[in-house]
Amino acid sequence: MRGIDLFSGGGCGSAGARHAGLTMVGAADAWDIAARTYADNFPTATVVNEKLSDRSGPAIFGDVGRVDMLIASPECTHHSIARGNKPVDEESQRSGWYVMNFIKQLTPRWIILENVTPMRNWPGFDELIIALKKTYKLRVGPLDAADFGTPQNRRRLFIVGDRLATPTIALPGYKPMRPAARIIEPIGNYAAEPVYNGKRAASTIARVERGISELGRGKDFLIVYYGSDRAGGWQSLDRPLRTLTTLDRFGLVQWIDGQPTLRMLQVPELKRAMGLTHLKDECGKGIQFLLEHGTRRDKVKVLGNGVCAPVMRAVVGSLLGADSRDILDEEIAPRRIRAASTARRSSALSIAAHTLSY
């Protein structure tokens, strides 16, 4: 089966789709670093570095051939509350419509559109759903990456369509929760500075001290920047990582020689949080997700813009008839790390359980 990925980013979601058996033949993204990253990871796909619009269509790929599945993650910034007080960009919000020419001309059997859940509040959302329902039987609802064995809570809206049958996305019947502790590299792999080094902002110190007051001395944990909540700006390591964004927002507090130290989470750790490690191809050979271009900040942005690979693997696998229960069989933690995981039961659900009334 052959697929294309629009607003593809660096290919995090496509990595999961490939793991489910889809051959990616085309991708498009407006950011050059994302497009170059995608090309590294999918060397046989036609990758286009272009900003899509109402006028865009499959001609941008040349002769792409048959396409069985269209995947798209339209721009989400101006649907998300994460944009803060920035003015709404209506063109960005309309980007969900930019897939229509591709759908009409390529007539893929399946479509998967992914976005932040507030997309449902966009005034054009109902109209888009009505247009898609003329051709596809749809399931529309949120999925959380943590329910698919990803060590991250990442709740996203999925619009899944099939021309022939109503799609059903089975969640794992019984899946161990993968906590943030699973992604952490061993002490010493990255440099850390003492918390009380005289250089920290008062707000950072306050986050650290709130965590210590709750957990006690000697317990490692994370502090969380760029977000206001009732958690006090920190989280424990025994639950999935909070949502990874395009900003460098997670600091790791570790106790070394009885003193708290602090460093930011590093790119290999964030890749694990996106479920991008230890994927295998159809021959059982390990696949390394390459992230070579741009600065460290660019790499964090590529990951923060992505779709968690295990979720896309499950959705695509369900559509193609693959077994979606064993999403990540391999150990996700780095070598030499064995972290206890807490079993969490989630009954055999389908995306229909989350379906909106369309």
Protein backbone atom coordinates (compact mmCIF):
# COMPACT_ATOMS: atom_id res chain seq x y z
CA MET A 1 0.00 0.00 0.00
CA ARG A 2 1.25 3.46 -0.94
CA GLY A 3 0.80 6.70 1.00
CA ILE A 4 1.57 10.40 0.98
CA ASP A 5 2.00 12.72 3.96
CA LEU A 6 0.96 16.38 3.73
CA PHE A 7 2.24 18.87 6.32
CA SER A 8 4.57 15.96 7.00
CA GLY A 9 7.08 17.57 9.32
CA GLY A 10 10.18 15.46 9.68
CA GLY A 11 8.26 12.20 9.29
CA CYS A 12 7.49 11.10 12.85
CA GLY A 13 3.99 9.99 11.89
CA SER A 14 5.17 8.47 8.64
CA ALA A 15 7.64 6.37 10.63
CA GLY A 16 4.70 4.79 12.43
CA ALA A 17 2.79 4.37 9.15
CA ARG A 18 5.77 2.61 7.59
CA HIS A 19 5.99 0.36 10.64
CA ALA A 20 2.38 -0.67 9.92
CA GLY A 21 3.22 -1.60 6.33
CA LEU A 22 2.57 1.61 4.35
CA THR A 23 5.13 2.64 1.73
CA MET A 24 5.51 6.41 1.76
CA VAL A 25 5.85 7.71 -1.80
CA GLY A 26 5.41 11.46 -1.27
CA ALA A 27 5.55 14.17 1.40
CA ALA A 28 5.24 17.94 1.55
CA ASP A 29 6.20 20.47 4.21
CA ALA A 30 6.86 24.22 4.17
CA TRP A 31 9.86 24.09 6.54
CA ASP A 32 13.11 23.21 4.79
CA ILE A 33 14.66 21.50 7.82
CA ALA A 34 11.60 19.28 8.24
CA ALA A 35 11.58 18.42 4.52
CA ARG A 36 15.30 17.53 4.60
CA THR A 37 14.76 15.39 7.68
CA TYR A 38 11.90 13.58 5.99
CA ALA A 39 14.04 12.93 2.90
CA ASP A 40 16.76 11.40 5.09
CA ASN A 41 14.30 8.99 6.65
CA PHE A 42 12.36 8.17 3.47
CA PRO A 43 14.94 8.30 0.68
CA THR A 44 12.66 6.72 -1.94
CA ALA A 45 9.80 9.20 -1.38
CA THR A 46 9.36 12.38 -3.40
CA VAL A 47 9.70 15.13 -0.79
CA VAL A 48 8.54 18.65 -1.67
CA ASN A 49 9.55 21.71 0.36
CA GLU A 50 6.53 23.89 -0.40
CA LYS A 51 3.83 25.81 1.45
CA LEU A 52 0.49 24.28 0.54
CA SER A 53 -2.57 26.34 -0.38
CA ASP A 54 -6.08 25.96 -1.85
CA ARG A 55 -4.42 25.67 -5.26
CA SER A 56 -2.03 22.86 -4.31
CA GLY A 57 -2.55 19.40 -5.74
CA PRO A 58 -0.72 16.15 -6.50
CA ALA A 59 1.07 17.77 -9.44
CA ILE A 60 3.65 19.00 -6.91
CA PHE A 61 4.90 15.40 -6.72
CA GLY A 62 5.12 14.85 -10.46
CA ASP A 63 3.96 11.38 -11.48
CA VAL A 64 3.41 9.96 -8.00
CA GLY A 65 1.37 6.98 -9.19
CA ARG A 66 -1.34 5.22 -7.20
CA VAL A 67 -1.97 6.51 -3.68
CA ASP A 68 -3.94 4.29 -1.29
CA MET A 69 -3.75 6.46 1.83
CA LEU A 70 -3.44 10.19 2.46
CA ILE A 71 -2.07 11.33 5.82
CA ALA A 72 -2.12 15.01 6.75
CA SER A 73 -1.36 17.06 9.86
CA PRO A 74 -2.47 20.59 8.88
CA GLU A 75 -0.99 23.57 10.68
CA CYS A 76 -2.23 23.46 14.24
CA THR A 77 -0.75 26.58 15.83
CA HIS A 78 -3.81 28.75 15.28
CA HIS A 79 -6.21 26.08 16.53
CA SER A 80 -4.20 25.52 19.69
CA ILE A 81 -4.48 27.41 22.96
CA ALA A 82 -0.67 27.24 23.01
CA ARG A 83 -0.55 30.25 20.68
CA GLY A 84 -1.46 32.41 23.71
CA ASN A 85 -2.64 35.89 22.80
CA LYS A 86 -1.23 35.90 19.28
CA PRO A 87 -3.77 36.96 16.63
CA VAL A 88 -5.53 34.12 14.83
CA ASP A 89 -4.17 33.41 11.34
CA GLU A 90 -7.26 32.41 9.37
CA GLU A 91 -5.14 31.06 6.50
CA SER A 92 -3.43 28.71 8.93
CA GLN A 93 -6.79 27.58 10.28
CA ARG A 94 -7.98 26.89 6.73
CA SER A 95 -5.06 24.56 6.04
CA GLY A 96 -7.32 21.58 6.72
CA TRP A 97 -9.02 22.37 3.41
CA TYR A 98 -5.73 22.19 1.50
CA VAL A 99 -5.97 18.40 1.34
CA MET A 100 -9.13 18.46 -0.77
CA ASN A 101 -7.52 18.75 -4.21
CA PHE A 102 -5.23 15.85 -3.34
CA ILE A 103 -8.20 13.74 -2.22
CA LYS A 104 -10.29 14.56 -5.30
CA GLN A 105 -7.51 13.86 -7.78
CA LEU A 106 -5.79 10.90 -6.12
CA THR A 107 -8.96 9.24 -4.73
CA PRO A 108 -7.16 7.39 -1.93
CA ARG A 109 -9.21 4.72 -0.21
CA TRP A 110 -8.17 5.92 3.24
CA ILE A 111 -7.50 9.32 4.79
CA ILE A 112 -6.08 10.26 8.19
CA LEU A 113 -6.14 13.88 9.33
CA GLU A 114 -4.53 14.75 12.67
CA ASN A 115 -4.65 18.00 14.62
CA VAL A 116 -4.96 19.44 18.11
CA THR A 117 -8.34 18.79 19.71
CA PRO A 118 -9.40 22.51 19.68
CA MET A 119 -9.68 22.18 15.89
CA ARG A 120 -13.26 21.12 16.63
CA ASN A 121 -13.97 24.71 17.68
CA TRP A 122 -12.86 26.12 14.32
CA PRO A 123 -15.92 27.62 12.52
CA GLY A 124 -15.05 25.69 9.34
CA PHE A 125 -14.74 22.30 11.04
CA ASP A 126 -18.33 21.13 10.49
CA GLU A 127 -18.19 22.17 6.85
CA LEU A 128 -14.96 20.19 6.36
CA ILE A 129 -16.50 17.09 7.94
CA ILE A 130 -19.60 17.39 5.73
CA ALA A 131 -17.40 17.63 2.62
CA LEU A 132 -15.38 14.56 3.60
CA LYS A 133 -18.52 12.56 4.40
CA LYS A 134 -19.62 12.85 0.78
CA THR A 135 -16.91 10.33 -0.06
CA TYR A 136 -15.76 8.70 3.19
CA LYS A 137 -17.24 6.89 6.13
CA LEU A 138 -15.64 8.73 9.06
CA ARG A 139 -14.59 8.23 12.63
CA VAL A 140 -13.69 11.45 14.43
CA GLY A 141 -12.30 11.62 17.94
CA PRO A 142 -9.31 12.13 20.23
CA LEU A 143 -6.53 9.64 20.87
CA ASP A 144 -3.90 9.90 23.61
CA ALA A 145 -0.44 8.60 22.75
CA ALA A 146 -0.02 7.19 26.26
CA ASP A 147 -2.81 4.69 25.53
CA PHE A 148 -0.62 3.24 22.77
CA GLY A 149 2.47 2.54 24.83
CA THR A 150 4.12 5.91 24.22
CA PRO A 151 5.83 7.44 27.30
CA GLN A 152 4.03 10.75 26.67
CA ASN A 153 0.53 12.11 27.27
CA ARG A 154 -0.29 13.63 23.90
CA ARG A 155 -3.98 13.98 23.09
CA ARG A 156 -4.78 14.71 19.46
CA LEU A 157 -7.87 14.75 17.25
CA PHE A 158 -7.97 12.14 14.47
CA ILE A 159 -10.29 12.21 11.46
CA VAL A 160 -10.11 8.75 9.92
CA GLY A 161 -11.92 7.92 6.68
CA ASP A 162 -12.50 4.83 4.56
CA ARG A 163 -14.37 4.84 1.24
CA LEU A 164 -15.70 1.30 1.71
CA ALA A 165 -16.25 0.64 5.40
CA THR A 166 -16.59 2.50 8.68
CA PRO A 167 -13.08 2.50 10.20
CA THR A 168 -12.49 1.10 13.68
CA ILE A 169 -9.26 1.80 15.56
CA ALA A 170 -8.73 -0.72 18.32
CA LEU A 171 -6.86 0.44 21.39
CA PRO A 172 -4.68 -2.10 23.17
CA GLY A 173 -6.81 -4.26 25.46
CA TYR A 174 -4.15 -4.31 28.16
CA LYS A 175 -1.06 -2.17 27.86
CA PRO A 176 1.55 -1.25 30.44
CA MET A 177 1.87 2.46 31.04
CA ARG A 178 5.30 3.65 29.99
CA PRO A 179 6.49 6.35 32.40
CA ALA A 180 8.86 9.21 31.63
CA ALA A 181 11.58 7.34 33.54
CA ARG A 182 11.84 5.05 30.50
CA ILE A 183 13.28 7.76 28.28
CA ILE A 184 16.03 9.04 30.62
CA GLU A 185 19.69 8.46 29.76
CA PRO A 186 22.01 7.17 32.50
CA ILE A 187 23.62 9.71 34.83
CA GLY A 188 26.82 11.03 33.33
CA ASN A 189 25.81 10.79 29.67
CA TYR A 190 25.03 14.52 29.65
CA ALA A 191 26.48 17.32 31.73
CA ALA A 192 24.34 18.63 34.57
CA GLU A 193 24.90 21.69 36.77
CA PRO A 194 24.02 22.06 40.45
CA VAL A 195 20.57 23.54 40.97
CA TYR A 196 21.96 26.10 43.41
CA ASN A 197 24.75 27.47 41.23
CA GLY A 198 23.80 31.13 41.60
CA LYS A 199 22.68 31.39 37.96
CA ARG A 200 19.15 30.03 38.08
CA ALA A 201 16.06 32.16 37.68
CA ALA A 202 13.91 32.44 40.80
CA SER A 203 11.02 30.76 38.96
CA THR A 204 13.21 27.76 38.12
CA ILE A 205 14.32 27.41 41.74
CA ALA A 206 10.69 27.62 42.82
CA ARG A 207 9.73 24.75 40.48
CA VAL A 208 12.57 22.61 41.79
CA GLU A 209 11.72 23.30 45.42
CA ARG A 210 8.05 22.49 44.89
CA GLY A 211 9.06 19.12 43.47
CA ILE A 212 11.44 18.40 46.34
CA SER A 213 8.82 19.39 48.91
CA GLU A 214 6.36 16.90 47.39
CA LEU A 215 8.72 13.99 46.71
CA GLY A 216 11.41 14.45 49.34
CA ARG A 217 15.15 14.60 48.87
CA GLY A 218 16.85 12.02 46.69
CA LYS A 219 13.99 11.55 44.20
CA ASP A 220 14.58 12.53 40.57
CA PHE A 221 11.85 14.44 38.73
CA LEU A 222 11.17 16.87 35.89
CA ILE A 223 10.46 20.56 35.93
CA VAL A 224 8.25 21.92 33.17
CA TYR A 225 8.67 25.33 31.53
CA TYR A 226 6.25 27.20 29.24
CA GLY A 227 2.90 26.31 30.67
CA SER A 228 0.71 27.32 33.55
CA ASP A 229 -1.16 24.66 35.46
CA ARG A 230 -1.98 23.48 38.94
CA ALA A 231 0.91 21.02 39.00
CA GLY A 232 3.40 23.65 40.15
CA GLY A 233 5.65 23.41 37.10
CA TRP A 234 7.01 19.93 37.77
CA GLN A 235 6.09 16.28 37.25
CA SER A 236 7.25 12.93 38.59
CA LEU A 237 9.02 10.34 36.47
CA ASP A 238 6.55 7.57 37.25
CA ARG A 239 3.93 8.85 34.78
CA PRO A 240 4.17 9.58 31.03
CA LEU A 241 5.86 12.80 29.99
CA ARG A 242 3.58 15.76 29.62
CA THR A 243 2.96 16.89 26.04
CA LEU A 244 6.13 17.61 24.12
CA THR A 245 5.88 20.94 22.26
CA THR A 246 8.11 22.79 19.82
CA LEU A 247 9.86 24.49 22.75
CA ASP A 248 12.61 23.09 24.95
CA ARG A 249 10.48 22.78 28.08
CA PHE A 250 11.63 19.83 30.23
CA GLY A 251 14.41 20.03 32.80
CA LEU A 252 15.60 16.92 34.63
CA VAL A 253 16.41 17.19 38.33
CA GLN A 254 18.77 14.39 39.38
CA TRP A 255 20.47 13.83 42.72
CA ILE A 256 24.23 13.35 42.46
CA ASP A 257 26.34 12.96 45.60
CA GLY A 258 23.38 14.04 47.68
CA GLN A 259 22.84 17.32 45.79
CA PRO A 260 20.19 18.22 43.19
CA THR A 261 21.46 18.88 39.66
CA LEU A 262 19.60 20.14 36.61
CA ARG A 263 19.88 19.64 32.87
CA MET A 264 17.44 19.82 29.97
CA LEU A 265 16.13 16.66 28.35
CA GLN A 266 18.19 15.85 25.28
CA VAL A 267 17.15 14.99 21.73
CA PRO A 268 17.61 11.19 22.08
CA GLU A 269 15.36 11.27 25.14
CA LEU A 270 12.73 13.34 23.33
CA LYS A 271 12.83 10.89 20.41
CA ARG A 272 11.95 8.12 22.83
CA ALA A 273 9.09 10.24 24.12
CA MET A 274 7.73 10.33 20.55
CA GLY A 275 8.03 6.55 20.22
CA LEU A 276 10.71 6.83 17.54
CA THR A 277 13.20 4.29 18.85
CA HIS A 278 13.44 0.58 18.17
CA LEU A 279 11.02 0.53 15.25
CA LYS A 280 11.57 -2.37 12.85
CA ASP A 281 10.94 -2.83 9.14
CA GLU A 282 9.08 -5.74 7.56
CA CYS A 283 12.23 -7.87 7.70
CA GLY A 284 12.71 -7.28 11.42
CA LYS A 285 15.65 -4.95 10.85
CA GLY A 286 15.94 -1.97 13.18
CA ILE A 287 15.08 1.47 11.79
CA GLN A 288 16.99 4.48 13.07
CA PHE A 289 15.06 7.74 12.84
CA LEU A 290 17.58 10.31 11.59
CA LEU A 291 17.53 13.84 12.95
CA GLU A 292 20.62 15.51 11.54
CA HIS A 293 19.66 18.99 10.31
CA GLY A 294 19.48 22.34 12.04
CA THR A 295 20.26 23.40 15.57
CA ARG A 296 19.25 21.61 18.75
CA ARG A 297 16.26 23.94 18.92
CA ASP A 298 15.28 22.93 15.37
CA LYS A 299 15.45 19.26 16.29
CA VAL A 300 13.22 19.83 19.31
CA LYS A 301 10.78 21.65 17.03
CA VAL A 302 10.75 18.79 14.50
CA LEU A 303 9.83 16.38 17.29
CA GLY A 304 7.31 18.71 18.93
CA ASN A 305 5.51 19.16 15.61
CA GLY A 306 5.28 15.43 15.01
CA VAL A 307 2.74 12.65 15.43
CA CYS A 308 3.75 9.94 17.90
CA ALA A 309 4.84 6.95 15.83
CA PRO A 310 3.01 4.28 17.89
CA VAL A 311 -0.33 6.07 17.45
CA MET A 312 0.03 6.38 13.68
CA ARG A 313 1.23 2.80 13.54
CA ALA A 314 -1.96 1.67 15.30
CA VAL A 315 -4.31 3.79 13.17
CA VAL A 316 -2.72 2.80 9.86
CA GLY A 317 -2.40 -0.81 10.99
CA SER A 318 -6.09 -0.97 11.81
CA LEU A 319 -7.02 0.38 8.38
CA LEU A 320 -4.68 -1.98 6.56
CA GLY A 321 -5.76 -4.95 8.64
CA ALA A 322 -2.53 -5.26 10.61
CA ASP A 323 -2.50 -6.24 14.27
CA SER A 324 -2.56 -2.94 16.16
CA ARG A 325 -2.15 -4.50 19.61
CA ASP A 326 1.61 -4.93 19.55
CA ILE A 327 2.60 -1.39 18.76
CA LEU A 328 6.01 -1.25 20.37
CA ASP A 329 7.25 -4.67 21.41
CA GLU A 330 10.81 -3.50 21.97
CA GLU A 331 12.18 -1.99 25.16
CA ILE A 332 11.96 1.76 24.76
CA ALA A 333 14.41 2.63 27.53
CA PRO A 334 18.10 3.26 26.79
CA ARG A 335 20.48 0.44 27.50
CA ARG A 336 21.45 -0.18 31.11
CA ILE A 337 18.22 1.41 32.31
CA ARG A 338 15.49 -0.72 33.79
CA ALA A 339 12.63 1.35 35.10
CA ALA A 340 9.59 -0.14 36.76
CA SER A 341 6.39 0.34 34.80
CA THR A 342 2.90 0.51 36.23
CA ALA A 343 0.32 -1.67 34.54
CA ARG A 344 -2.77 0.17 33.47
CA ARG A 345 -5.82 -1.58 32.18
CA SER A 346 -7.70 -0.02 29.32
CA SER A 347 -10.54 -2.14 28.03
CA ALA A 348 -10.71 -2.96 24.34
CA LEU A 349 -12.02 0.31 23.04
CA SER A 350 -12.34 1.67 19.56
CA ILE A 351 -12.13 5.20 18.37
CA ALA A 352 -15.91 4.94 18.10
CA ALA A 353 -16.05 5.27 21.85
CA HIS A 354 -14.62 8.77 21.46
CA THR A 355 -16.55 9.59 18.30
CA LEU A 356 -18.20 12.95 17.93
CA SER A 357 -21.77 13.08 16.69
CA TYR A 358 -21.23 13.19 12.97
